Every structure is written in structure tokens, then in C-alpha cells.
């Protein structure tokens, strides 16, 4: 069945797939989520005075009010950890692309050097 022209997506080719993508785009789609998951799995030890106070208050007197304060502080810690993980993922991706670029640059310069040396 042929899709009417007005319903087709611009720039979409019917045979588009992940195998037709460039290597850089494949890396972009797979490296970023992988780096974020890897950075998120690294445990972070966030010591904040507010969390410690909320924890000690709940430990000494486990009331609903203290539990809610503790949960709020835990949520703040999770957001801090999420931000740190995002920053770590950006660093990992930047480092990966830098290594990839250096390797490609070295490989292309090596090919040019070999090509210029082989010609008389």
C-alpha cells in the first residue's frame, strides 16, 4: 500500500534503518544512553546537613511529619545524584568522541603520509 504524499514525513526514506546511519550518528544514539546509565550506576555519597538533620529527627522520633521531611531530603539527594550523573555522562561522551576523533585523525594522516611516500 502506497502512502499518500501529504502524509509522508519529510526526509524519511522507506528503506531508512539503523544500518544506513553514519557511524557518528550510531554512536550518538547508543553512547549517550549508555554513558548516562553507566554514570547513574556509580554510587554517590552525598552528605548534606539538611538530610542528616531530617534523618536524625526521624530516627529519634518516627512521626509522619519527620518521615515526610526525610522523604523530601531523599528526593533532593536523588536530584543531585541525577544531575551529577548527567554531568558524568556528558564527560564520558565528550571523552569518547575526543578519542574517536583523535584516532580518525591519526589514521587519516597516516594514510596520507603513506600515500605521499609511495609516490615517486
PDB file of N, CA and C in Angstrom:
ATOM      1  N   UNK A   1       0.844  -1.179   0.000  1.00  0.00           N
ATOM      2  CA  UNK A   1       0.000   0.000   0.000  1.00  0.00           C
ATOM      3  C   UNK A   1       0.885   1.236   0.000  1.00  0.00           C
ATOM      4  N   UNK A   2       0.595   2.125  -0.899  1.00  0.00           N
ATOM      5  CA  UNK A   2       1.386   3.337  -1.020  1.00  0.00           C
ATOM      6  C   UNK A   2       0.805   4.429  -0.129  1.00  0.00           C
ATOM      7  N   UNK A   3       1.665   5.111   0.600  1.00  0.00           N
ATOM      8  CA  UNK A   3       1.242   6.189   1.494  1.00  0.00           C
ATOM      9  C   UNK A   3       1.069   7.457   0.672  1.00  0.00           C
ATOM     10  N   UNK A   4      -0.079   8.147   0.808  1.00  0.00           N
ATOM     11  CA  UNK A   4      -0.268   9.402   0.069  1.00  0.00           C
ATOM     12  C   UNK A   4       0.835  10.401   0.411  1.00  0.00           C
ATOM     13  N   UNK A   5       1.177  11.229  -0.566  1.00  0.00           N
ATOM     14  CA  UNK A   5       2.305  12.144  -0.434  1.00  0.00           C
ATOM     15  C   UNK A   5       2.144  13.102   0.735  1.00  0.00           C
ATOM     16  N   UNK A   6       0.933  13.583   0.960  1.00  0.00           N
ATOM     17  CA  UNK A   6       0.745  14.577   2.020  1.00  0.00           C
ATOM     18  C   UNK A   6       0.939  14.003   3.415  1.00  0.00           C
ATOM     19  N   UNK A   7       0.871  12.663   3.559  1.00  0.00           N
ATOM     20  CA  UNK A   7       1.061  12.037   4.857  1.00  0.00           C
ATOM     21  C   UNK A   7       2.485  11.531   5.074  1.00  0.00           C
ATOM     22  N   UNK A   8       3.317  11.654   4.083  1.00  0.00           N
ATOM     23  CA  UNK A   8       4.696  11.197   4.216  1.00  0.00           C
ATOM     24  C   UNK A   8       5.501  12.197   5.043  1.00  0.00           C
ATOM     25  N   UNK A   9       6.449  11.664   5.775  1.00  0.00           N
ATOM     26  CA  UNK A   9       7.338  12.521   6.551  1.00  0.00           C
ATOM     27  C   UNK A   9       8.426  13.062   5.643  1.00  0.00           C
ATOM     28  N   UNK A  10       8.770  14.317   5.834  1.00  0.00           N
ATOM     29  CA  UNK A  10       9.846  14.903   5.029  1.00  0.00           C
ATOM     30  C   UNK A  10      11.177  14.306   5.450  1.00  0.00           C
ATOM     31  N   UNK A  11      11.977  13.986   4.476  1.00  0.00           N
ATOM     32  CA  UNK A  11      13.294  13.450   4.745  1.00  0.00           C
ATOM     33  C   UNK A  11      13.291  11.991   5.149  1.00  0.00           C
ATOM     34  N   UNK A  12      12.130  11.365   5.128  1.00  0.00           N
ATOM     35  CA  UNK A  12      12.058   9.962   5.520  1.00  0.00           C
ATOM     36  C   UNK A  12      12.130   9.093   4.276  1.00  0.00           C
ATOM     37  N   UNK A  13      13.030   8.190   4.265  1.00  0.00           N
ATOM     38  CA  UNK A  13      13.162   7.255   3.166  1.00  0.00           C
ATOM     39  C   UNK A  13      12.598   5.922   3.618  1.00  0.00           C
ATOM     40  N   UNK A  14      11.802   5.247   2.774  1.00  0.00           N
ATOM     41  CA  UNK A  14      11.179   3.998   3.225  1.00  0.00           C
ATOM     42  C   UNK A  14      12.178   2.922   3.620  1.00  0.00           C
ATOM     43  N   UNK A  15      13.388   2.983   3.095  1.00  0.00           N
ATOM     44  CA  UNK A  15      14.376   1.965   3.434  1.00  0.00           C
ATOM     45  C   UNK A  15      15.334   2.441   4.519  1.00  0.00           C
ATOM     46  N   UNK A  16      14.973   3.506   5.224  1.00  0.00           N
ATOM     47  CA  UNK A  16      15.822   4.009   6.293  1.00  0.00           C
ATOM     48  C   UNK A  16      15.858   3.008   7.430  1.00  0.00           C
ATOM     49  N   UNK A  17      17.017   2.771   7.930  1.00  0.00           N
ATOM     50  CA  UNK A  17      17.178   1.894   9.079  1.00  0.00           C
ATOM     51  C   UNK A  17      18.448   2.298   9.795  1.00  0.00           C
ATOM     52  N   UNK A  18      18.700   1.629  10.873  1.00  0.00           N
ATOM     53  CA  UNK A  18      19.898   1.946  11.644  1.00  0.00           C
ATOM     54  C   UNK A  18      21.162   1.548  10.896  1.00  0.00           C
ATOM     55  N   UNK A  19      21.046   0.613   9.969  1.00  0.00           N
ATOM     56  CA  UNK A  19      22.216   0.164   9.221  1.00  0.00           C
ATOM     57  C   UNK A  19      22.657   1.176   8.180  1.00  0.00           C
ATOM     58  N   UNK A  20      21.764   2.092   7.802  1.00  0.00           N
ATOM     59  CA  UNK A  20      22.109   3.122   6.825  1.00  0.00           C
ATOM     60  C   UNK A  20      22.638   4.390   7.483  1.00  0.00           C
ATOM     61  N   UNK A  21      22.707   4.412   8.796  1.00  0.00           N
ATOM     62  CA  UNK A  21      23.162   5.603   9.505  1.00  0.00           C
ATOM     63  C   UNK A  21      24.690   5.665   9.512  1.00  0.00           C
ATOM     64  N   UNK A  22      25.210   6.879   9.660  1.00  0.00           N
ATOM     65  CA  UNK A  22      26.657   7.028   9.773  1.00  0.00           C
ATOM     66  C   UNK A  22      27.117   6.524  11.140  1.00  0.00           C
ATOM     67  N   UNK A  23      28.380   6.256  11.231  1.00  0.00           N
ATOM     68  CA  UNK A  23      28.944   5.735  12.480  1.00  0.00           C
ATOM     69  C   UNK A  23      28.792   6.753  13.600  1.00  0.00           C
ATOM     70  N   UNK A  24      29.000   8.022  13.287  1.00  0.00           N
ATOM     71  CA  UNK A  24      28.881   9.061  14.316  1.00  0.00           C
ATOM     72  C   UNK A  24      27.453   9.132  14.859  1.00  0.00           C
ATOM     73  N   UNK A  25      26.469   9.000  13.985  1.00  0.00           N
ATOM     74  CA  UNK A  25      25.080   9.060  14.445  1.00  0.00           C
ATOM     75  C   UNK A  25      24.736   7.826  15.268  1.00  0.00           C
ATOM     76  N   UNK A  26      25.258   6.668  14.876  1.00  0.00           N
ATOM     77  CA  UNK A  26      25.027   5.459  15.669  1.00  0.00           C
ATOM     78  C   UNK A  26      25.624   5.630  17.057  1.00  0.00           C
ATOM     79  N   UNK A  27      26.828   6.174  17.100  1.00  0.00           N
ATOM     80  CA  UNK A  27      27.458   6.418  18.396  1.00  0.00           C
ATOM     81  C   UNK A  27      26.628   7.384  19.224  1.00  0.00           C
ATOM     82  N   UNK A  28      26.092   8.420  18.585  1.00  0.00           N
ATOM     83  CA  UNK A  28      25.297   9.402  19.306  1.00  0.00           C
ATOM     84  C   UNK A  28      24.070   8.759  19.931  1.00  0.00           C
ATOM     85  N   UNK A  29      23.389   7.883  19.191  1.00  0.00           N
ATOM     86  CA  UNK A  29      22.171   7.266  19.691  1.00  0.00           C
ATOM     87  C   UNK A  29      22.415   6.202  20.749  1.00  0.00           C
ATOM     88  N   UNK A  30      23.557   5.544  20.705  1.00  0.00           N
ATOM     89  CA  UNK A  30      23.800   4.460  21.644  1.00  0.00           C
ATOM     90  C   UNK A  30      24.741   4.845  22.780  1.00  0.00           C
ATOM     91  N   UNK A  31      25.645   5.765  22.535  1.00  0.00           N
ATOM     92  CA  UNK A  31      26.635   6.106  23.549  1.00  0.00           C
ATOM     93  C   UNK A  31      26.056   6.987  24.646  1.00  0.00           C
ATOM     94  N   UNK A  32      25.181   7.902  24.288  1.00  0.00           N
ATOM     95  CA  UNK A  32      24.616   8.809  25.298  1.00  0.00           C
ATOM     96  C   UNK A  32      23.792   8.054  26.334  1.00  0.00           C
ATOM     97  N   UNK A  33      22.816   7.216  25.940  1.00  0.00           N
ATOM     98  CA  UNK A  33      22.084   6.479  26.987  1.00  0.00           C
ATOM     99  C   UNK A  33      22.984   5.530  27.769  1.00  0.00           C
ATOM    100  N   UNK A  34      23.928   4.904  27.087  1.00  0.00           N
ATOM    101  CA  UNK A  34      24.843   4.003  27.777  1.00  0.00           C
ATOM    102  C   UNK A  34      25.686   4.763  28.789  1.00  0.00           C
ATOM    103  N   UNK A  35      26.190   5.925  28.398  1.00  0.00           N
ATOM    104  CA  UNK A  35      27.019   6.719  29.310  1.00  0.00           C
ATOM    105  C   UNK A  35      26.195   7.208  30.490  1.00  0.00           C
ATOM    106  N   UNK A  36      24.940   7.591  30.236  1.00  0.00           N
ATOM    107  CA  UNK A  36      24.102   8.061  31.331  1.00  0.00           C
ATOM    108  C   UNK A  36      23.816   6.932  32.317  1.00  0.00           C
ATOM    109  N   UNK A  37      23.490   5.751  31.806  1.00  0.00           N
ATOM    110  CA  UNK A  37      23.222   4.606  32.690  1.00  0.00           C
ATOM    111  C   UNK A  37      24.483   4.248  33.467  1.00  0.00           C
ATOM    112  N   UNK A  38      25.621   4.250  32.777  1.00  0.00           N
ATOM    113  CA  UNK A  38      26.880   3.931  33.447  1.00  0.00           C
ATOM    114  C   UNK A  38      27.187   4.951  34.540  1.00  0.00           C
ATOM    115  N   UNK A  39      26.977   6.223  34.237  1.00  0.00           N
ATOM    116  CA  UNK A  39      27.242   7.258  35.234  1.00  0.00           C
ATOM    117  C   UNK A  39      26.230   7.200  36.373  1.00  0.00           C
ATOM    118  N   UNK A  40      24.983   6.805  36.070  1.00  0.00           N
ATOM    119  CA  UNK A  40      23.963   6.738  37.115  1.00  0.00           C
ATOM    120  C   UNK A  40      24.208   5.579  38.077  1.00  0.00           C
ATOM    121  N   UNK A  41      24.809   4.501  37.567  1.00  0.00           N
ATOM    122  CA  UNK A  41      25.034   3.336  38.417  1.00  0.00           C
ATOM    123  C   UNK A  41      26.195   3.526  39.389  1.00  0.00           C
ATOM    124  N   UNK A  42      27.011   4.526  39.144  1.00  0.00           N
ATOM    125  CA  UNK A  42      28.105   4.798  40.069  1.00  0.00           C
ATOM    126  C   UNK A  42      27.502   5.388  41.340  1.00  0.00           C
ATOM    127  N   UNK A  43      27.742   4.765  42.472  1.00  0.00           N
ATOM    128  CA  UNK A  43      27.126   5.287  43.696  1.00  0.00           C
ATOM    129  C   UNK A  43      27.724   6.639  44.080  1.00  0.00           C
ATOM    130  N   UNK A  44      26.870   7.495  44.550  1.00  0.00           N
ATOM    131  CA  UNK A  44      27.352   8.790  45.013  1.00  0.00           C
ATOM    132  C   UNK A  44      27.006   8.928  46.486  1.00  0.00           C
ATOM    133  N   UNK A  45      27.926   9.458  47.215  1.00  0.00           N
ATOM    134  CA  UNK A  45      27.737   9.642  48.646  1.00  0.00           C
ATOM    135  C   UNK A  45      27.570  11.129  48.901  1.00  0.00           C
ATOM    136  N   UNK A  46      26.330  11.531  48.989  1.00  0.00           N
ATOM    137  CA  UNK A  46      26.002  12.938  49.170  1.00  0.00           C
ATOM    138  C   UNK A  46      25.691  13.160  50.642  1.00  0.00           C
ATOM    139  N   UNK A  47      26.526  13.944  51.280  1.00  0.00           N
ATOM    140  CA  UNK A  47      26.317  14.262  52.692  1.00  0.00           C
ATOM    141  C   UNK A  47      25.887  15.719  52.784  1.00  0.00           C
ATOM    142  N   UNK A  48      24.624  15.884  53.095  1.00  0.00           N
ATOM    143  CA  UNK A  48      24.077  17.224  53.262  1.00  0.00           C
ATOM    144  C   UNK A  48      23.584  17.362  54.690  1.00  0.00           C
ATOM    145  N   UNK A  49      23.791  18.528  55.237  1.00  0.00           N
ATOM    146  CA  UNK A  49      23.408  18.774  56.622  1.00  0.00           C
ATOM    147  C   UNK A  49      21.900  18.634  56.814  1.00  0.00           C
ATOM    148  N   UNK A  50      21.104  19.118  55.839  1.00  0.00           N
ATOM    149  CA  UNK A  50      19.646  19.037  55.963  1.00  0.00           C
ATOM    150  C   UNK A  50      19.174  17.584  55.989  1.00  0.00           C
ATOM    151  N   UNK A  51      19.798  16.745  55.155  1.00  0.00           N
ATOM    152  CA  UNK A  51      19.415  15.334  55.145  1.00  0.00           C
ATOM    153  C   UNK A  51      19.785  14.672  56.472  1.00  0.00           C
ATOM    154  N   UNK A  52      20.964  14.975  56.967  1.00  0.00           N
ATOM    155  CA  UNK A  52      21.384  14.395  58.245  1.00  0.00           C
ATOM    156  C   UNK A  52      20.455  14.813  59.380  1.00  0.00           C
ATOM    157  N   UNK A  53      20.048  16.074  59.372  1.00  0.00           N
ATOM    158  CA  UNK A  53      19.124  16.544  60.410  1.00  0.00           C
ATOM    159  C   UNK A  53      17.770  15.849  60.298  1.00  0.00           C
ATOM    160  N   UNK A  54      17.275  15.704  59.055  1.00  0.00           N
ATOM    161  CA  UNK A  54      15.985  15.038  58.858  1.00  0.00           C
ATOM    162  C   UNK A  54      16.073  13.567  59.256  1.00  0.00           C
ATOM    163  N   UNK A  55      17.193  12.928  58.956  1.00  0.00           N
ATOM    164  CA  UNK A  55      17.356  11.528  59.309  1.00  0.00           C
ATOM    165  C   UNK A  55      17.408  11.340  60.827  1.00  0.00           C
ATOM    166  N   UNK A  56      18.173  12.193  61.482  1.00  0.00           N
ATOM    167  CA  UNK A  56      18.278  12.074  62.940  1.00  0.00           C
ATOM    168  C   UNK A  56      16.944  12.386  63.618  1.00  0.00           C
ATOM    169  N   UNK A  57      16.205  13.342  63.073  1.00  0.00           N
ATOM    170  CA  UNK A  57      14.889  13.657  63.641  1.00  0.00           C
ATOM    171  C   UNK A  57      13.946  12.465  63.475  1.00  0.00           C
ATOM    172  N   UNK A  58      13.991  11.816  62.321  1.00  0.00           N
ATOM    173  CA  UNK A  58      13.139  10.654  62.097  1.00  0.00           C
ATOM    174  C   UNK A  58      13.600   9.460  62.945  1.00  0.00           C
ATOM    175  N   UNK A  59      14.899   9.323  63.107  1.00  0.00           N
ATOM    176  CA  UNK A  59      15.442   8.211  63.887  1.00  0.00           C
ATOM    177  C   UNK A  59      15.044   8.330  65.369  1.00  0.00           C
ATOM    178  N   UNK A  60      15.095   9.565  65.871  1.00  0.00           N
ATOM    179  CA  UNK A  60      14.749   9.783  67.278  1.00  0.00           C
ATOM    180  C   UNK A  60      13.245   9.775  67.515  1.00  0.00           C
ATOM    181  N   UNK A  61      12.489  10.276  66.549  1.00  0.00           N
ATOM    182  CA  UNK A  61      11.042  10.394  66.724  1.00  0.00           C
ATOM    183  C   UNK A  61      10.365  10.080  65.381  1.00  0.00           C
ATOM    184  N   UNK A  62      10.044   8.807  65.095  1.00  0.00           N
ATOM    185  CA  UNK A  62       9.489   8.437  63.783  1.00  0.00           C
ATOM    186  C   UNK A  62       8.010   8.816  63.622  1.00  0.00           C
ATOM    187  N   UNK A  63       7.773  10.088  63.412  1.00  0.00           N
ATOM    188  CA  UNK A  63       6.407  10.555  63.181  1.00  0.00           C
ATOM    189  C   UNK A  63       6.213  10.786  61.686  1.00  0.00           C
ATOM    190  N   UNK A  64       4.974  11.008  61.292  1.00  0.00           N
ATOM    191  CA  UNK A  64       4.660  11.238  59.887  1.00  0.00           C
ATOM    192  C   UNK A  64       5.337  12.514  59.380  1.00  0.00           C
ATOM    193  N   UNK A  65       5.367  13.543  60.203  1.00  0.00           N
ATOM    194  CA  UNK A  65       5.999  14.805  59.811  1.00  0.00           C
ATOM    195  C   UNK A  65       7.490  14.620  59.552  1.00  0.00           C
ATOM    196  N   UNK A  66       8.168  13.889  60.431  1.00  0.00           N
ATOM    197  CA  UNK A  66       9.597  13.646  60.251  1.00  0.00           C
ATOM    198  C   UNK A  66       9.853  12.741  59.046  1.00  0.00           C
ATOM    199  N   UNK A  67       8.947  11.786  58.823  1.00  0.00           N
ATOM    200  CA  UNK A  67       9.106  10.913  57.665  1.00  0.00           C
ATOM    201  C   UNK A  67       8.968  11.703  56.366  1.00  0.00           C
ATOM    202  N   UNK A  68       8.015  12.623  56.310  1.00  0.00           N
ATOM    203  CA  UNK A  68       7.847  13.450  55.116  1.00  0.00           C
ATOM    204  C   UNK A  68       9.056  14.352  54.891  1.00  0.00           C
ATOM    205  N   UNK A  69       9.606  14.885  55.955  1.00  0.00           N
ATOM    206  CA  UNK A  69      10.817  15.711  55.826  1.00  0.00           C
ATOM    207  C   UNK A  69      11.985  14.878  55.321  1.00  0.00           C
ATOM    208  N   UNK A  70      12.092  13.647  55.823  1.00  0.00           N
ATOM    209  CA  UNK A  70      13.165  12.756  55.374  1.00  0.00           C
ATOM    210  C   UNK A  70      12.995  12.393  53.905  1.00  0.00           C
ATOM    211  N   UNK A  71      11.763  12.092  53.487  1.00  0.00           N
ATOM    212  CA  UNK A  71      11.498  11.757  52.077  1.00  0.00           C
ATOM    213  C   UNK A  71      11.818  12.945  51.167  1.00  0.00           C
ATOM    214  N   UNK A  72      11.491  14.147  51.600  1.00  0.00           N
ATOM    215  CA  UNK A  72      11.799  15.342  50.806  1.00  0.00           C
ATOM    216  C   UNK A  72      13.309  15.502  50.643  1.00  0.00           C
ATOM    217  N   UNK A  73      14.058  15.253  51.702  1.00  0.00           N
ATOM    218  CA  UNK A  73      15.515  15.363  51.621  1.00  0.00           C
ATOM    219  C   UNK A  73      16.107  14.239  50.760  1.00  0.00           C
ATOM    220  N   UNK A  74      15.510  13.055  50.822  1.00  0.00           N
ATOM    221  CA  UNK A  74      15.972  11.962  49.959  1.00  0.00           C
ATOM    222  C   UNK A  74      15.743  12.310  48.491  1.00  0.00           C
ATOM    223  N   UNK A  75      14.615  12.927  48.213  1.00  0.00           N
ATOM    224  CA  UNK A  75      14.315  13.329  46.834  1.00  0.00           C
ATOM    225  C   UNK A  75      15.318  14.372  46.349  1.00  0.00           C
ATOM    226  N   UNK A  76      15.679  15.314  47.208  1.00  0.00           N
ATOM    227  CA  UNK A  76      16.697  16.303  46.825  1.00  0.00           C
ATOM    228  C   UNK A  76      18.022  15.615  46.535  1.00  0.00           C
ATOM    229  N   UNK A  77      18.369  14.626  47.353  1.00  0.00           N
ATOM    230  CA  UNK A  77      19.606  13.875  47.115  1.00  0.00           C
ATOM    231  C   UNK A  77      19.549  13.140  45.784  1.00  0.00           C
ATOM    232  N   UNK A  78      18.384  12.578  45.444  1.00  0.00           N
ATOM    233  CA  UNK A  78      18.253  11.877  44.170  1.00  0.00           C
ATOM    234  C   UNK A  78      18.414  12.833  42.994  1.00  0.00           C
ATOM    235  N   UNK A  79      17.858  14.043  43.108  1.00  0.00           N
ATOM    236  CA  UNK A  79      18.025  15.029  42.035  1.00  0.00           C
ATOM    237  C   UNK A  79      19.480  15.473  41.906  1.00  0.00           C
ATOM    238  N   UNK A  80      20.166  15.598  43.016  1.00  0.00           N
ATOM    239  CA  UNK A  80      21.588  15.943  42.967  1.00  0.00           C
ATOM    240  C   UNK A  80      22.367  14.822  42.283  1.00  0.00           C
ATOM    241  N   UNK A  81      22.039  13.582  42.642  1.00  0.00           N
ATOM    242  CA  UNK A  81      22.707  12.434  42.017  1.00  0.00           C
ATOM    243  C   UNK A  81      22.395  12.374  40.522  1.00  0.00           C
ATOM    244  N   UNK A  82      21.159  12.673  40.130  1.00  0.00           N
ATOM    245  CA  UNK A  82      20.773  12.682  38.723  1.00  0.00           C
ATOM    246  C   UNK A  82      21.555  13.742  37.952  1.00  0.00           C
ATOM    247  N   UNK A  83      21.697  14.918  38.528  1.00  0.00           N
ATOM    248  CA  UNK A  83      22.480  15.978  37.888  1.00  0.00           C
ATOM    249  C   UNK A  83      23.944  15.605  37.754  1.00  0.00           C
ATOM    250  N   UNK A  84      24.488  14.996  38.800  1.00  0.00           N
ATOM    251  CA  UNK A  84      25.880  14.550  38.730  1.00  0.00           C
ATOM    252  C   UNK A  84      26.051  13.463  37.680  1.00  0.00           C
ATOM    253  N   UNK A  85      25.058  12.578  37.554  1.00  0.00           N
ATOM    254  CA  UNK A  85      25.126  11.519  36.556  1.00  0.00           C
ATOM    255  C   UNK A  85      25.063  12.097  35.143  1.00  0.00           C
ATOM    256  N   UNK A  86      24.220  13.090  34.938  1.00  0.00           N
ATOM    257  CA  UNK A  86      24.135  13.733  33.626  1.00  0.00           C
ATOM    258  C   UNK A  86      25.463  14.401  33.281  1.00  0.00           C
ATOM    259  N   UNK A  87      26.062  15.058  34.246  1.00  0.00           N
ATOM    260  CA  UNK A  87      27.363  15.680  34.013  1.00  0.00           C
ATOM    261  C   UNK A  87      28.419  14.628  33.714  1.00  0.00           C
ATOM    262  N   UNK A  88      28.389  13.519  34.446  1.00  0.00           N
ATOM    263  CA  UNK A  88      29.322  12.425  34.178  1.00  0.00           C
ATOM    264  C   UNK A  88      29.115  11.830  32.804  1.00  0.00           C
ATOM    265  N   UNK A  89      27.853  11.711  32.369  1.00  0.00           N
ATOM    266  CA  UNK A  89      27.572  11.181  31.034  1.00  0.00           C
ATOM    267  C   UNK A  89      28.104  12.120  29.956  1.00  0.00           C
ATOM    268  N   UNK A  90      27.944  13.426  30.168  1.00  0.00           N
ATOM    269  CA  UNK A  90      28.472  14.392  29.200  1.00  0.00           C
ATOM    270  C   UNK A  90      29.986  14.280  29.113  1.00  0.00           C
ATOM    271  N   UNK A  91      30.632  14.117  30.256  1.00  0.00           N
ATOM    272  CA  UNK A  91      32.088  13.969  30.263  1.00  0.00           C
ATOM    273  C   UNK A  91      32.497  12.690  29.542  1.00  0.00           C
ATOM    274  N   UNK A  92      31.790  11.580  29.808  1.00  0.00           N
ATOM    275  CA  UNK A  92      32.120  10.319  29.141  1.00  0.00           C
ATOM    276  C   UNK A  92      31.915  10.399  27.637  1.00  0.00           C
ATOM    277  N   UNK A  93      30.835  11.021  27.201  1.00  0.00           N
ATOM    278  CA  UNK A  93      30.573  11.143  25.762  1.00  0.00           C
ATOM    279  C   UNK A  93      31.604  12.053  25.111  1.00  0.00           C
ATOM    280  N   UNK A  94      31.926  13.160  25.754  1.00  0.00           N
ATOM    281  CA  UNK A  94      32.939  14.061  25.212  1.00  0.00           C
ATOM    282  C   UNK A  94      34.290  13.366  25.110  1.00  0.00           C
ATOM    283  N   UNK A  95      34.636  12.625  26.128  1.00  0.00           N
ATOM    284  CA  UNK A  95      35.893  11.879  26.102  1.00  0.00           C
ATOM    285  C   UNK A  95      35.874  10.827  24.995  1.00  0.00           C
ATOM    286  N   UNK A  96      34.747  10.143  24.840  1.00  0.00           N
ATOM    287  CA  UNK A  96      34.633   9.132  23.784  1.00  0.00           C
ATOM    288  C   UNK A  96      34.762   9.729  22.398  1.00  0.00           C
ATOM    289  N   UNK A  97      34.078  10.853  22.154  1.00  0.00           N
ATOM    290  CA  UNK A  97      34.184  11.495  20.849  1.00  0.00           C
ATOM    291  C   UNK A  97      35.577  12.061  20.612  1.00  0.00           C
ATOM    292  N   UNK A  98      36.228  12.533  21.652  1.00  0.00           N
ATOM    293  CA  UNK A  98      37.594  13.031  21.501  1.00  0.00           C
ATOM    294  C   UNK A  98      38.535  11.900  21.099  1.00  0.00           C
ATOM    295  N   UNK A  99      38.430  10.778  21.765  1.00  0.00           N
ATOM    296  CA  UNK A  99      39.273   9.622  21.412  1.00  0.00           C
ATOM    297  C   UNK A  99      38.962   9.168  19.992  1.00  0.00           C
ATOM    298  N   UNK A 100      37.682   9.117  19.641  1.00  0.00           N
ATOM    299  CA  UNK A 100      37.279   8.711  18.293  1.00  0.00           C
ATOM    300  C   UNK A 100      37.852   9.668  17.251  1.00  0.00           C
ATOM    301  N   UNK A 101      37.784  10.968  17.510  1.00  0.00           N
ATOM    302  CA  UNK A 101      38.309  11.958  16.577  1.00  0.00           C
ATOM    303  C   UNK A 101      39.819  11.888  16.443  1.00  0.00           C
ATOM    304  N   UNK A 102      40.502  11.683  17.552  1.00  0.00           N
ATOM    305  CA  UNK A 102      41.964  11.585  17.503  1.00  0.00           C
ATOM    306  C   UNK A 102      42.383  10.345  16.722  1.00  0.00           C
ATOM    307  N   UNK A 103      41.700   9.234  16.946  1.00  0.00           N
ATOM    308  CA  UNK A 103      42.030   8.006  16.216  1.00  0.00           C
ATOM    309  C   UNK A 103      41.775   8.195  14.726  1.00  0.00           C
ATOM    310  N   UNK A 104      40.663   8.818  14.362  1.00  0.00           N
ATOM    311  CA  UNK A 104      40.382   9.058  12.938  1.00  0.00           C
ATOM    312  C   UNK A 104      41.395  10.002  12.329  1.00  0.00           C
ATOM    313  N   UNK A 105      41.768  11.043  13.061  1.00  0.00           N
ATOM    314  CA  UNK A 105      42.759  11.996  12.563  1.00  0.00           C
ATOM    315  C   UNK A 105      44.112  11.320  12.368  1.00  0.00           C
ATOM    316  N   UNK A 106      44.515  10.515  13.337  1.00  0.00           N
ATOM    317  CA  UNK A 106      45.796   9.818  13.223  1.00  0.00           C
ATOM    318  C   UNK A 106      45.771   8.828  12.066  1.00  0.00           C
ATOM    319  N   UNK A 107      44.660   8.140  11.910  1.00  0.00           N
ATOM    320  CA  UNK A 107      44.563   7.154  10.836  1.00  0.00           C
ATOM    321  C   UNK A 107      44.597   7.836   9.472  1.00  0.00           C
ATOM    322  N   UNK A 108      43.888   8.950   9.318  1.00  0.00           N
ATOM    323  CA  UNK A 108      43.881   9.636   8.018  1.00  0.00           C
ATOM    324  C   UNK A 108      45.237  10.270   7.720  1.00  0.00           C
ATOM    325  N   UNK A 109      45.895  10.810   8.729  1.00  0.00           N
ATOM    326  CA  UNK A 109      47.223  11.393   8.480  1.00  0.00           C
ATOM    327  C   UNK A 109      48.239  10.307   8.167  1.00  0.00           C
ATOM    328  N   UNK A 110      48.087   9.143   8.773  1.00  0.00           N
ATOM    329  CA  UNK A 110      48.970   8.023   8.468  1.00  0.00           C
ATOM    330  C   UNK A 110      48.762   7.555   7.039  1.00  0.00           C
ATOM    331  N   UNK A 111      47.505   7.511   6.577  1.00  0.00           N
ATOM    332  CA  UNK A 111      47.226   7.127   5.194  1.00  0.00           C
ATOM    333  C   UNK A 111      47.815   8.134   4.220  1.00  0.00           C
ATOM    334  N   UNK A 112      47.676   9.451   4.529  1.00  0.00           N
ATOM    335  CA  UNK A 112      48.241  10.474   3.646  1.00  0.00           C
ATOM    336  C   UNK A 112      49.759  10.387   3.607  1.00  0.00           C
ATOM    337  N   UNK A 113      50.365  10.107   4.739  1.00  0.00           N
ATOM    338  CA  UNK A 113      51.820  10.001   4.792  1.00  0.00           C
ATOM    339  C   UNK A 113      52.293   8.812   3.969  1.00  0.00           C
ATOM    340  N   UNK A 114      51.623   7.691   4.087  1.00  0.00           N
ATOM    341  CA  UNK A 114      51.981   6.502   3.328  1.00  0.00           C
ATOM    342  C   UNK A 114      51.761   6.732   1.829  1.00  0.00           C
ATOM    343  N   UNK A 115      50.685   7.428   1.487  1.00  0.00           N
ATOM    344  CA  UNK A 115      50.393   7.683   0.088  1.00  0.00           C
ATOM    345  C   UNK A 115      51.433   8.631  -0.524  1.00  0.00           C
ATOM    346  N   UNK A 116      51.845   9.634   0.232  1.00  0.00           N
ATOM    347  CA  UNK A 116      52.852  10.571  -0.314  1.00  0.00           C
ATOM    348  C   UNK A 116      54.229   9.926  -0.380  1.00  0.00           C
ATOM    349  N   UNK A 117      54.533   8.989   0.504  1.00  0.00           N
ATOM    350  CA  UNK A 117      55.834   8.304   0.475  1.00  0.00           C
ATOM    351  C   UNK A 117      55.898   7.268  -0.641  1.00  0.00           C
ATOM    352  N   UNK A 118      54.786   6.694  -1.023  1.00  0.00           N
ATOM    353  CA  UNK A 118      54.792   5.647  -2.046  1.00  0.00           C
ATOM    354  C   UNK A 118      54.869   6.223  -3.449  1.00  0.00           C
ATOM    355  N   UNK A 119      54.466   7.496  -3.656  1.00  0.00           N
ATOM    356  CA  UNK A 119      54.530   8.112  -4.986  1.00  0.00           C
ATOM    357  C   UNK A 119      55.936   8.645  -5.228  1.00  0.00           C
ATOM    358  N   UNK A 120      56.496   8.383  -6.434  1.00  0.00           N
ATOM    359  CA  UNK A 120      57.868   8.863  -6.715  1.00  0.00           C
ATOM    360  C   UNK A 120      57.951  10.336  -6.975  1.00  0.00           C
TER     361      UNK A 120
END
